[in-house]
Protein backbone atom coordinates (compact mmCIF):
# COMPACT_ATOMS: atom_id res chain seq x y z
CA MET A 1 -145.85 121.85 51.97
CA LYS A 2 -147.79 120.89 54.88
CA ASN A 3 -146.49 117.12 54.59
CA ILE A 4 -143.03 118.59 54.74
CA LEU A 5 -143.86 120.87 57.66
CA ALA A 6 -145.51 117.86 59.53
CA SER A 7 -142.76 115.25 58.61
CA LEU A 8 -139.98 118.06 59.91
CA PHE A 9 -142.15 118.26 63.30
CA LEU A 10 -142.52 114.78 63.78
CA MET A 11 -138.68 114.27 63.17
CA LEU A 12 -137.83 117.04 65.57
CA SER A 13 -140.35 115.69 68.00
CA VAL A 14 -138.86 112.04 67.83
CA MET A 15 -135.16 113.63 68.15
CA ALA A 16 -136.03 115.60 71.10
CA CYS A 17 -137.43 112.56 72.73
CA ASN A 18 -134.48 110.47 72.28
CA GLN A 19 -132.09 113.18 73.63
CA GLN A 20 -134.26 113.41 76.62
CA VAL A 21 -133.98 109.65 77.21
CA GLU A 22 -130.03 109.65 76.67
CA GLN A 23 -129.52 112.47 79.07
CA SER A 24 -131.37 111.07 82.04
CA ASN A 25 -130.10 107.50 81.33
CA HIS A 26 -126.83 107.21 83.05
CA LYS A 27 -125.20 103.73 84.14
CA TYR A 28 -122.27 105.21 85.70
CA PHE A 29 -121.64 108.39 87.58
CA ASP A 30 -122.31 111.45 85.68
CA LEU A 31 -118.91 113.03 85.65
CA LYS A 32 -119.47 115.03 82.36
CA GLY A 33 -122.32 116.78 84.36
CA THR A 34 -120.57 117.04 87.34
CA PHE A 35 -118.02 119.20 85.88
CA GLU A 36 -120.12 121.05 83.39
CA THR A 37 -121.87 122.62 86.72
CA GLN A 38 -118.39 123.45 88.06
CA ILE A 39 -117.34 125.05 84.86
CA LYS A 40 -120.50 127.10 84.91
CA GLU A 41 -120.08 128.06 88.65
CA LEU A 42 -116.36 128.76 88.35
CA SER A 43 -116.88 130.93 85.10
CA ARG A 44 -119.48 132.98 87.16
CA ARG A 45 -117.32 133.42 90.01
CA LYS A 46 -113.75 133.96 88.46
CA PRO A 47 -111.85 132.81 91.43
CA THR A 48 -107.95 133.23 91.76
CA VAL A 49 -106.37 129.82 91.17
CA GLN A 50 -102.84 129.04 92.51
CA LYS A 51 -101.46 126.71 89.71
CA SER A 52 -98.21 124.74 89.49
CA VAL A 53 -97.21 123.24 86.31
CA LYS A 54 -94.04 121.07 85.73
CA VAL A 55 -92.93 119.67 82.66
CA GLY A 56 -89.92 117.41 83.06
CA THR A 57 -87.80 119.20 85.44
CA THR A 58 -89.19 122.91 84.54
CA ALA A 59 -91.71 124.25 86.81
CA ASP A 60 -93.69 127.26 87.39
CA THR A 61 -96.14 128.38 89.97
CA GLN A 62 -98.63 131.32 89.21
CA THR A 63 -101.75 132.84 90.86
CA LYS A 64 -104.22 133.77 88.04
CA VAL A 65 -107.61 133.72 87.16
CA ILE A 66 -108.28 130.92 84.62
CA GLN A 67 -110.48 132.38 81.65
CA ASP A 68 -111.43 129.19 80.15
CA TRP A 69 -112.54 126.79 82.63
CA GLU A 70 -113.96 124.43 79.99
CA LYS A 71 -110.54 123.69 78.56
CA GLU A 72 -109.00 123.65 82.06
CA LEU A 73 -111.39 120.76 83.32
CA ASP A 74 -111.63 118.77 79.74
CA PHE A 75 -109.71 115.92 81.11
CA PHE A 76 -112.45 115.32 83.72
CA ILE A 77 -115.12 115.49 80.99
CA GLN A 78 -113.18 113.35 78.64
CA ALA A 79 -113.06 110.63 81.41
CA ASP A 80 -116.84 110.31 81.61
CA LEU A 81 -118.03 106.62 81.33
CA ASN A 82 -121.56 107.47 80.04
CA LYS A 83 -120.71 106.80 76.39
CA PRO A 84 -122.30 104.22 74.33
CA ALA A 85 -119.07 102.68 73.47
CA PHE A 86 -118.38 102.19 77.17
CA LEU A 87 -121.91 100.74 78.39
CA ASN A 88 -120.94 97.34 79.73
CA SER A 89 -117.02 97.73 79.89
CA TYR A 90 -116.57 98.45 83.64
CA GLN A 91 -116.91 96.57 86.80
CA ILE A 92 -118.78 98.59 89.55
CA SER A 93 -117.93 98.01 93.26
CA GLN A 94 -119.29 100.54 95.79
CA ASN A 95 -120.18 101.23 99.59
CA ASP A 96 -121.29 104.13 101.63
CA SER A 97 -117.83 105.98 100.93
CA LEU A 98 -116.42 104.74 97.92
CA VAL A 99 -117.71 103.85 94.29
CA THR A 100 -115.13 102.39 91.97
CA TYR A 101 -115.35 101.47 88.27
CA MET A 102 -112.70 98.83 87.00
CA LEU A 103 -112.04 98.51 83.26
CA LYS A 104 -113.03 94.67 82.66
CA PRO A 105 -109.90 92.74 81.31
CA THR A 106 -111.51 92.01 78.02
CA GLU A 107 -111.99 95.90 77.34
CA THR A 108 -109.54 98.47 75.68
CA GLN A 109 -111.03 101.80 76.43
CA LEU A 110 -108.92 104.63 77.29
CA VAL A 111 -110.27 105.15 80.90
CA LYS A 112 -108.99 102.19 83.32
CA GLU A 113 -110.22 103.04 86.48
CA ILE A 114 -112.38 105.74 88.25
CA LYS A 115 -112.75 106.17 92.33
CA LEU A 116 -115.36 108.53 93.84
CA VAL A 117 -114.97 109.17 97.55
CA LEU A 118 -118.09 110.15 99.18
CA LYS A 119 -118.86 111.57 102.51
CA ASN A 120 -122.66 111.48 103.84
CA GLY A 121 -123.40 110.53 100.08
CA LYS A 122 -121.66 113.84 98.76
CA LEU A 123 -118.86 113.68 96.40
CA GLN A 124 -115.50 114.54 98.15
CA GLN A 125 -113.00 113.32 95.63
CA VAL A 126 -112.75 112.15 91.99
CA TYR A 127 -109.67 110.10 90.70
CA ALA A 128 -109.26 108.68 87.26
CA LEU A 129 -106.88 106.56 85.61
CA LEU A 130 -106.23 107.00 81.76
CA SER A 131 -103.66 105.12 79.67
CA ASP A 132 -103.08 104.36 76.26
CA GLU A 133 -100.37 102.23 74.26
CA ASN A 134 -99.50 101.05 70.67
CA TYR A 135 -96.54 100.77 68.45
CA LEU A 136 -95.96 104.29 68.31
CA TYR A 137 -96.62 105.65 71.72
CA LYS A 138 -97.27 105.31 75.34
CA THR A 139 -99.27 107.67 77.54
CA ARG A 140 -100.66 107.72 81.07
CA LYS A 141 -102.60 110.16 82.95
CA GLU A 142 -103.80 110.23 86.45
CA ILE A 143 -106.36 113.10 87.17
CA LYS A 144 -107.69 113.98 90.75
CA ALA A 145 -110.06 116.56 91.78
CA ASP A 146 -111.09 117.43 95.33
CA PHE A 147 -114.59 118.87 96.58
CA GLU A 148 -115.83 120.88 99.49
CA HIS A 149 -119.37 121.67 100.04
CA ASN A 150 -120.27 120.52 96.29
CA ARG A 151 -117.34 122.65 95.01
CA LEU A 152 -114.08 122.11 93.30
CA LYS A 153 -111.27 123.25 95.50
CA HIS A 154 -108.30 121.25 94.11
CA TYR A 155 -107.17 119.44 90.82
CA GLU A 156 -104.16 117.36 89.90
CA ILE A 157 -102.91 115.89 86.54
CA ASP A 158 -100.24 113.70 86.79
CA GLY A 159 -98.95 112.06 83.60
CA PHE A 160 -96.47 111.20 80.81
CA GLN A 161 -96.28 110.71 76.97
CA GLN A 162 -93.60 108.73 75.45
CA LEU A 163 -93.04 108.15 71.56
CA VAL A 164 -91.36 104.70 70.59
CA PHE A 165 -88.38 106.61 69.49
CA GLY A 166 -88.25 109.69 72.36
CA GLU A 167 -87.61 110.04 75.90
CA LYS A 168 -90.49 110.02 78.39
CA LYS A 169 -92.03 113.49 78.77
CA ALA A 170 -93.73 113.70 82.23
CA TYR A 171 -95.82 116.58 83.22
CA GLN A 172 -97.77 117.58 86.59
CA ILE A 173 -100.25 120.12 87.14
CA LYS A 174 -101.63 121.17 90.55
CA ALA A 175 -104.23 123.59 91.31
CA THR A 176 -105.75 125.04 94.29
CA ILE A 177 -108.89 127.28 93.85
CA GLN A 178 -108.96 130.07 96.17
C-alpha cells in the first residue's frame, strides 16, 4: 500500500511540474490567458453590451447583459497560438507598436495571421484571420478586439461559410461593452 501511495504521489508531483512548465513557457503572445482574464472580469462586472448580429441580409441590434462570456469570446481563445502543433508554424515580426504572427507558407494551420497593436507596451487591439478550406467547405473569419485601459471595449467577428454545393453564408457580429 505504501508503494502505491508513494508511486501515486511521485506521478502527481511530476505531472504538476510539467503543467507549470507548460503554462509559463509561451513562444507567442498569450491570447488565451488575456481573454480568460477578460472573461473573469466581464463575468464579475456584468456590463451591458450593445450587440449587432447580421446573418446574410438579416440584421438585429440589442442591448443586453451577456450571460456566458466564455462562449461569447471563444473565437479569441481558439485563435491562441501557444499549442504544441503551432510551435514553429509562425514568422514573428515586431516593433514598439505592432507584433505580427504570420503562418509560414509551408504550414496549414487554421490561424493564418495575428496582429497585436500596442501603445506604451499595453495591448490596444488584437486582429486574427482564420480560414480553412477542403473539398466540402470553405470558411473564413476575421476577428478583432479593442482594449482600453487593459479592458475589452469592443469586438467584431466577420466571416463566412460555404459548402461546396451551397451559397456563401456571411455573418457579422459587432459588440461594444458599456
